[in-house]
Amino acid sequence: MAPTADGFGTTTEEMARAAQHVDAVNESVRAELAGLRGKLEPLAGLWTGRASVEFVRLMQRWDTDAQQLNEALRTIGGALQGSRTSYEQREQDQAQAMSGIASALG
């Protein structure tokens, strides 16, 4: 991590790695949740009456919550990638501005 005056900082490479890590974690979480759901589905046949209705309702909530978790992780990964792109563009703009100043000064 590149330190700054306040002790915090980053590089575009670190941002890219962080975005990739979040994407990998998201895929891992998605796979784990799908695997667990696959183990729970056969239990549906064991419930009858109101318990069966509640089981179905809870599985629907499971699906909704899992989707929200995956979407949150996708959003975080996308935000990291967007920050990286923005940071790189600002660095290029600064370099061009400094080059222009240096040329003007001779």
N, C-alpha and C. Protein backbone atom coordinates (compact mmCIF):
# COMPACT_ATOMS: atom_id res chain seq x y z
N MET A 1 0.84 -1.17 0.00
CA MET A 1 0.00 0.00 0.00
C MET A 1 0.89 1.24 0.00
N ALA A 2 0.57 2.20 -0.81
CA ALA A 2 1.32 3.43 -0.90
C ALA A 2 0.88 4.38 0.21
N PRO A 3 1.78 4.71 1.15
CA PRO A 3 1.38 5.60 2.25
C PRO A 3 1.17 7.03 1.78
N THR A 4 0.31 7.75 2.47
CA THR A 4 0.07 9.16 2.21
C THR A 4 0.29 9.91 3.52
N ALA A 5 0.06 11.20 3.48
CA ALA A 5 0.26 12.02 4.67
C ALA A 5 -0.60 11.54 5.84
N ASP A 6 -1.78 11.03 5.54
CA ASP A 6 -2.66 10.56 6.62
C ASP A 6 -2.44 9.08 6.95
N GLY A 7 -1.46 8.45 6.29
CA GLY A 7 -1.14 7.06 6.58
C GLY A 7 -1.89 6.05 5.74
N PHE A 8 -2.77 6.50 4.86
CA PHE A 8 -3.54 5.59 4.01
C PHE A 8 -3.20 5.84 2.56
N GLY A 9 -3.35 4.82 1.76
CA GLY A 9 -3.12 4.97 0.33
C GLY A 9 -3.30 3.64 -0.37
N THR A 10 -3.19 3.68 -1.68
CA THR A 10 -3.35 2.47 -2.48
C THR A 10 -2.68 2.68 -3.82
N THR A 11 -2.64 1.62 -4.59
CA THR A 11 -2.15 1.69 -5.96
C THR A 11 -3.22 1.09 -6.85
N THR A 12 -3.10 1.35 -8.15
CA THR A 12 -4.08 0.78 -9.07
C THR A 12 -3.97 -0.74 -9.09
N GLU A 13 -2.76 -1.26 -8.89
CA GLU A 13 -2.58 -2.71 -8.85
C GLU A 13 -3.30 -3.31 -7.64
N GLU A 14 -3.21 -2.62 -6.49
CA GLU A 14 -3.91 -3.10 -5.29
C GLU A 14 -5.42 -3.05 -5.48
N MET A 15 -5.90 -2.00 -6.15
CA MET A 15 -7.34 -1.91 -6.41
C MET A 15 -7.79 -3.04 -7.33
N ALA A 16 -6.99 -3.33 -8.35
CA ALA A 16 -7.33 -4.42 -9.28
C ALA A 16 -7.36 -5.76 -8.54
N ARG A 17 -6.34 -5.98 -7.70
CA ARG A 17 -6.31 -7.23 -6.92
C ARG A 17 -7.50 -7.33 -5.98
N ALA A 18 -7.86 -6.22 -5.36
CA ALA A 18 -9.00 -6.22 -4.44
C ALA A 18 -10.29 -6.53 -5.19
N ALA A 19 -10.47 -5.93 -6.36
CA ALA A 19 -11.67 -6.20 -7.17
C ALA A 19 -11.72 -7.67 -7.57
N GLN A 20 -10.59 -8.21 -7.98
CA GLN A 20 -10.53 -9.63 -8.36
C GLN A 20 -10.83 -10.52 -7.16
N HIS A 21 -10.31 -10.14 -6.00
CA HIS A 21 -10.55 -10.93 -4.79
C HIS A 21 -12.04 -10.93 -4.43
N VAL A 22 -12.66 -9.77 -4.50
CA VAL A 22 -14.09 -9.68 -4.20
C VAL A 22 -14.88 -10.54 -5.18
N ASP A 23 -14.51 -10.50 -6.46
CA ASP A 23 -15.19 -11.34 -7.45
C ASP A 23 -15.01 -12.82 -7.14
N ALA A 24 -13.80 -13.21 -6.74
CA ALA A 24 -13.54 -14.61 -6.40
C ALA A 24 -14.33 -15.03 -5.16
N VAL A 25 -14.37 -14.16 -4.16
CA VAL A 25 -15.14 -14.45 -2.95
C VAL A 25 -16.62 -14.58 -3.30
N ASN A 26 -17.11 -13.69 -4.15
CA ASN A 26 -18.51 -13.75 -4.56
C ASN A 26 -18.83 -15.09 -5.23
N GLU A 27 -17.96 -15.53 -6.11
CA GLU A 27 -18.18 -16.81 -6.79
C GLU A 27 -18.13 -17.97 -5.79
N SER A 28 -17.20 -17.90 -4.85
CA SER A 28 -17.10 -18.94 -3.83
C SER A 28 -18.34 -18.99 -2.95
N VAL A 29 -18.80 -17.82 -2.52
CA VAL A 29 -20.01 -17.74 -1.69
C VAL A 29 -21.21 -18.27 -2.47
N ARG A 30 -21.31 -17.86 -3.74
CA ARG A 30 -22.42 -18.32 -4.57
C ARG A 30 -22.43 -19.84 -4.68
N ALA A 31 -21.25 -20.42 -4.91
CA ALA A 31 -21.15 -21.87 -5.03
C ALA A 31 -21.49 -22.57 -3.72
N GLU A 32 -21.01 -22.03 -2.61
CA GLU A 32 -21.31 -22.62 -1.30
C GLU A 32 -22.81 -22.57 -1.00
N LEU A 33 -23.42 -21.42 -1.27
CA LEU A 33 -24.86 -21.29 -1.01
C LEU A 33 -25.67 -22.22 -1.91
N ALA A 34 -25.26 -22.34 -3.17
CA ALA A 34 -25.96 -23.25 -4.09
C ALA A 34 -25.81 -24.70 -3.62
N GLY A 35 -24.62 -25.05 -3.15
CA GLY A 35 -24.40 -26.40 -2.65
C GLY A 35 -25.24 -26.70 -1.42
N LEU A 36 -25.29 -25.75 -0.52
CA LEU A 36 -26.09 -25.93 0.69
C LEU A 36 -27.58 -26.01 0.34
N ARG A 37 -28.00 -25.17 -0.60
CA ARG A 37 -29.41 -25.21 -1.01
C ARG A 37 -29.73 -26.58 -1.61
N GLY A 38 -28.80 -27.11 -2.38
CA GLY A 38 -29.00 -28.43 -2.97
C GLY A 38 -29.16 -29.51 -1.91
N LYS A 39 -28.50 -29.34 -0.79
CA LYS A 39 -28.64 -30.31 0.31
C LYS A 39 -29.96 -30.12 1.06
N LEU A 40 -30.48 -28.90 1.07
CA LEU A 40 -31.72 -28.63 1.79
C LEU A 40 -32.96 -29.00 0.98
N GLU A 41 -32.89 -28.87 -0.33
CA GLU A 41 -34.06 -29.12 -1.18
C GLU A 41 -34.71 -30.48 -0.94
N PRO A 42 -33.94 -31.56 -0.80
CA PRO A 42 -34.58 -32.86 -0.59
C PRO A 42 -35.41 -32.92 0.70
N LEU A 43 -35.14 -32.02 1.63
CA LEU A 43 -35.91 -32.01 2.88
C LEU A 43 -37.35 -31.54 2.68
N ALA A 44 -37.61 -30.88 1.57
CA ALA A 44 -38.95 -30.34 1.32
C ALA A 44 -40.01 -31.44 1.39
N GLY A 45 -39.67 -32.62 0.91
CA GLY A 45 -40.63 -33.72 0.91
C GLY A 45 -40.94 -34.28 2.28
N LEU A 46 -40.13 -33.92 3.27
CA LEU A 46 -40.35 -34.42 4.63
C LEU A 46 -41.40 -33.63 5.38
N TRP A 47 -41.70 -32.42 4.89
CA TRP A 47 -42.64 -31.55 5.58
C TRP A 47 -44.03 -31.68 4.96
N THR A 48 -45.04 -31.55 5.79
CA THR A 48 -46.42 -31.58 5.31
C THR A 48 -47.20 -30.42 5.91
N GLY A 49 -48.31 -30.10 5.30
CA GLY A 49 -49.19 -29.06 5.83
C GLY A 49 -48.51 -27.71 5.95
N ARG A 50 -48.77 -27.07 7.08
CA ARG A 50 -48.23 -25.72 7.33
C ARG A 50 -46.70 -25.72 7.33
N ALA A 51 -46.12 -26.78 7.86
CA ALA A 51 -44.65 -26.87 7.88
C ALA A 51 -44.09 -26.86 6.47
N SER A 52 -44.77 -27.51 5.55
CA SER A 52 -44.34 -27.53 4.15
C SER A 52 -44.41 -26.13 3.55
N VAL A 53 -45.49 -25.43 3.84
CA VAL A 53 -45.66 -24.06 3.35
C VAL A 53 -44.54 -23.17 3.90
N GLU A 54 -44.23 -23.31 5.17
CA GLU A 54 -43.18 -22.50 5.80
C GLU A 54 -41.80 -22.85 5.23
N PHE A 55 -41.58 -24.12 4.96
CA PHE A 55 -40.31 -24.53 4.37
C PHE A 55 -40.13 -23.86 3.01
N VAL A 56 -41.16 -23.89 2.20
CA VAL A 56 -41.11 -23.26 0.88
C VAL A 56 -40.87 -21.76 1.03
N ARG A 57 -41.56 -21.13 1.97
CA ARG A 57 -41.39 -19.69 2.20
C ARG A 57 -39.97 -19.38 2.62
N LEU A 58 -39.40 -20.18 3.51
CA LEU A 58 -38.03 -19.96 3.96
C LEU A 58 -37.02 -20.18 2.83
N MET A 59 -37.28 -21.13 1.97
CA MET A 59 -36.37 -21.35 0.84
C MET A 59 -36.44 -20.18 -0.14
N GLN A 60 -37.61 -19.60 -0.31
CA GLN A 60 -37.74 -18.42 -1.15
C GLN A 60 -36.98 -17.25 -0.54
N ARG A 61 -37.07 -17.11 0.77
CA ARG A 61 -36.31 -16.05 1.45
C ARG A 61 -34.82 -16.32 1.29
N TRP A 62 -34.42 -17.58 1.41
CA TRP A 62 -33.01 -17.97 1.22
C TRP A 62 -32.53 -17.48 -0.15
N ASP A 63 -33.33 -17.77 -1.17
CA ASP A 63 -32.96 -17.38 -2.53
C ASP A 63 -32.83 -15.87 -2.65
N THR A 64 -33.78 -15.14 -2.09
CA THR A 64 -33.75 -13.68 -2.14
C THR A 64 -32.53 -13.13 -1.41
N ASP A 65 -32.27 -13.63 -0.21
CA ASP A 65 -31.12 -13.16 0.56
C ASP A 65 -29.80 -13.50 -0.13
N ALA A 66 -29.71 -14.69 -0.70
CA ALA A 66 -28.49 -15.09 -1.41
C ALA A 66 -28.27 -14.18 -2.61
N GLN A 67 -29.33 -13.87 -3.33
CA GLN A 67 -29.22 -12.99 -4.49
C GLN A 67 -28.77 -11.59 -4.06
N GLN A 68 -29.31 -11.09 -2.96
CA GLN A 68 -28.92 -9.77 -2.46
C GLN A 68 -27.45 -9.76 -2.04
N LEU A 69 -26.99 -10.82 -1.41
CA LEU A 69 -25.59 -10.92 -1.01
C LEU A 69 -24.69 -10.91 -2.25
N ASN A 70 -25.03 -11.71 -3.24
CA ASN A 70 -24.24 -11.75 -4.47
C ASN A 70 -24.23 -10.40 -5.16
N GLU A 71 -25.36 -9.73 -5.19
CA GLU A 71 -25.44 -8.41 -5.83
C GLU A 71 -24.60 -7.39 -5.06
N ALA A 72 -24.62 -7.45 -3.74
CA ALA A 72 -23.80 -6.53 -2.94
C ALA A 72 -22.32 -6.74 -3.23
N LEU A 73 -21.90 -7.99 -3.31
CA LEU A 73 -20.49 -8.27 -3.62
C LEU A 73 -20.14 -7.84 -5.03
N ARG A 74 -21.05 -8.03 -6.00
CA ARG A 74 -20.80 -7.55 -7.37
C ARG A 74 -20.66 -6.03 -7.38
N THR A 75 -21.50 -5.36 -6.60
CA THR A 75 -21.44 -3.90 -6.53
C THR A 75 -20.11 -3.43 -5.94
N ILE A 76 -19.66 -4.10 -4.89
CA ILE A 76 -18.38 -3.75 -4.28
C ILE A 76 -17.24 -3.96 -5.27
N GLY A 77 -17.23 -5.11 -5.94
CA GLY A 77 -16.19 -5.38 -6.94
C GLY A 77 -16.21 -4.35 -8.06
N GLY A 78 -17.39 -4.00 -8.52
CA GLY A 78 -17.52 -2.99 -9.58
C GLY A 78 -17.06 -1.62 -9.12
N ALA A 79 -17.36 -1.28 -7.88
CA ALA A 79 -16.93 0.02 -7.33
C ALA A 79 -15.41 0.08 -7.23
N LEU A 80 -14.80 -1.01 -6.82
CA LEU A 80 -13.33 -1.05 -6.75
C LEU A 80 -12.73 -0.88 -8.14
N GLN A 81 -13.30 -1.57 -9.11
CA GLN A 81 -12.79 -1.47 -10.48
C GLN A 81 -13.01 -0.06 -11.02
N GLY A 82 -14.17 0.53 -10.73
CA GLY A 82 -14.45 1.89 -11.16
C GLY A 82 -13.50 2.89 -10.53
N SER A 83 -13.19 2.70 -9.25
CA SER A 83 -12.23 3.58 -8.57
C SER A 83 -10.86 3.46 -9.20
N ARG A 84 -10.48 2.24 -9.53
CA ARG A 84 -9.18 2.02 -10.18
C ARG A 84 -9.11 2.78 -11.50
N THR A 85 -10.14 2.65 -12.31
CA THR A 85 -10.17 3.32 -13.62
C THR A 85 -10.10 4.83 -13.44
N SER A 86 -10.88 5.35 -12.51
CA SER A 86 -10.89 6.79 -12.24
C SER A 86 -9.52 7.26 -11.75
N TYR A 87 -8.92 6.49 -10.86
CA TYR A 87 -7.61 6.82 -10.30
C TYR A 87 -6.56 6.86 -11.41
N GLU A 88 -6.58 5.85 -12.29
CA GLU A 88 -5.63 5.81 -13.40
C GLU A 88 -5.79 7.02 -14.31
N GLN A 89 -7.05 7.40 -14.60
CA GLN A 89 -7.30 8.54 -15.47
C GLN A 89 -6.78 9.83 -14.83
N ARG A 90 -7.01 9.99 -13.53
CA ARG A 90 -6.52 11.19 -12.84
C ARG A 90 -4.99 11.24 -12.85
N GLU A 91 -4.36 10.08 -12.68
CA GLU A 91 -2.89 10.04 -12.72
C GLU A 91 -2.38 10.46 -14.10
N GLN A 92 -3.03 9.97 -15.15
CA GLN A 92 -2.63 10.34 -16.51
C GLN A 92 -2.84 11.83 -16.74
N ASP A 93 -3.97 12.36 -16.29
CA ASP A 93 -4.25 13.78 -16.44
C ASP A 93 -3.20 14.62 -15.72
N GLN A 94 -2.84 14.21 -14.50
CA GLN A 94 -1.82 14.93 -13.74
C GLN A 94 -0.46 14.89 -14.44
N ALA A 95 -0.10 13.72 -14.96
CA ALA A 95 1.18 13.58 -15.66
C ALA A 95 1.21 14.48 -16.88
N GLN A 96 0.12 14.55 -17.63
CA GLN A 96 0.07 15.41 -18.80
C GLN A 96 0.15 16.88 -18.40
N ALA A 97 -0.54 17.24 -17.33
CA ALA A 97 -0.50 18.63 -16.86
C ALA A 97 0.91 19.01 -16.44
N MET A 98 1.59 18.13 -15.72
CA MET A 98 2.95 18.42 -15.28
C MET A 98 3.90 18.50 -16.48
N SER A 99 3.68 17.65 -17.46
CA SER A 99 4.51 17.67 -18.66
C SER A 99 4.31 18.99 -19.40
N GLY A 100 3.06 19.45 -19.45
CA GLY A 100 2.78 20.73 -20.10
C GLY A 100 3.44 21.89 -19.36
N ILE A 101 3.41 21.85 -18.05
CA ILE A 101 4.06 22.90 -17.25
C ILE A 101 5.57 22.87 -17.47
N ALA A 102 6.14 21.67 -17.45
CA ALA A 102 7.59 21.54 -17.66
C ALA A 102 7.98 22.05 -19.04
N SER A 103 7.18 21.77 -20.05
CA SER A 103 7.47 22.25 -21.40
C SER A 103 7.37 23.76 -21.47
N ALA A 104 6.38 24.33 -20.79
CA ALA A 104 6.19 25.77 -20.80
C ALA A 104 7.34 26.49 -20.10
N LEU A 105 7.89 25.85 -19.07
CA LEU A 105 8.99 26.46 -18.33
C LEU A 105 10.31 26.32 -19.07
N GLY A 106 10.35 25.39 -20.00
CA GLY A 106 11.53 25.22 -20.84
C GLY A 106 12.54 24.40 -20.21
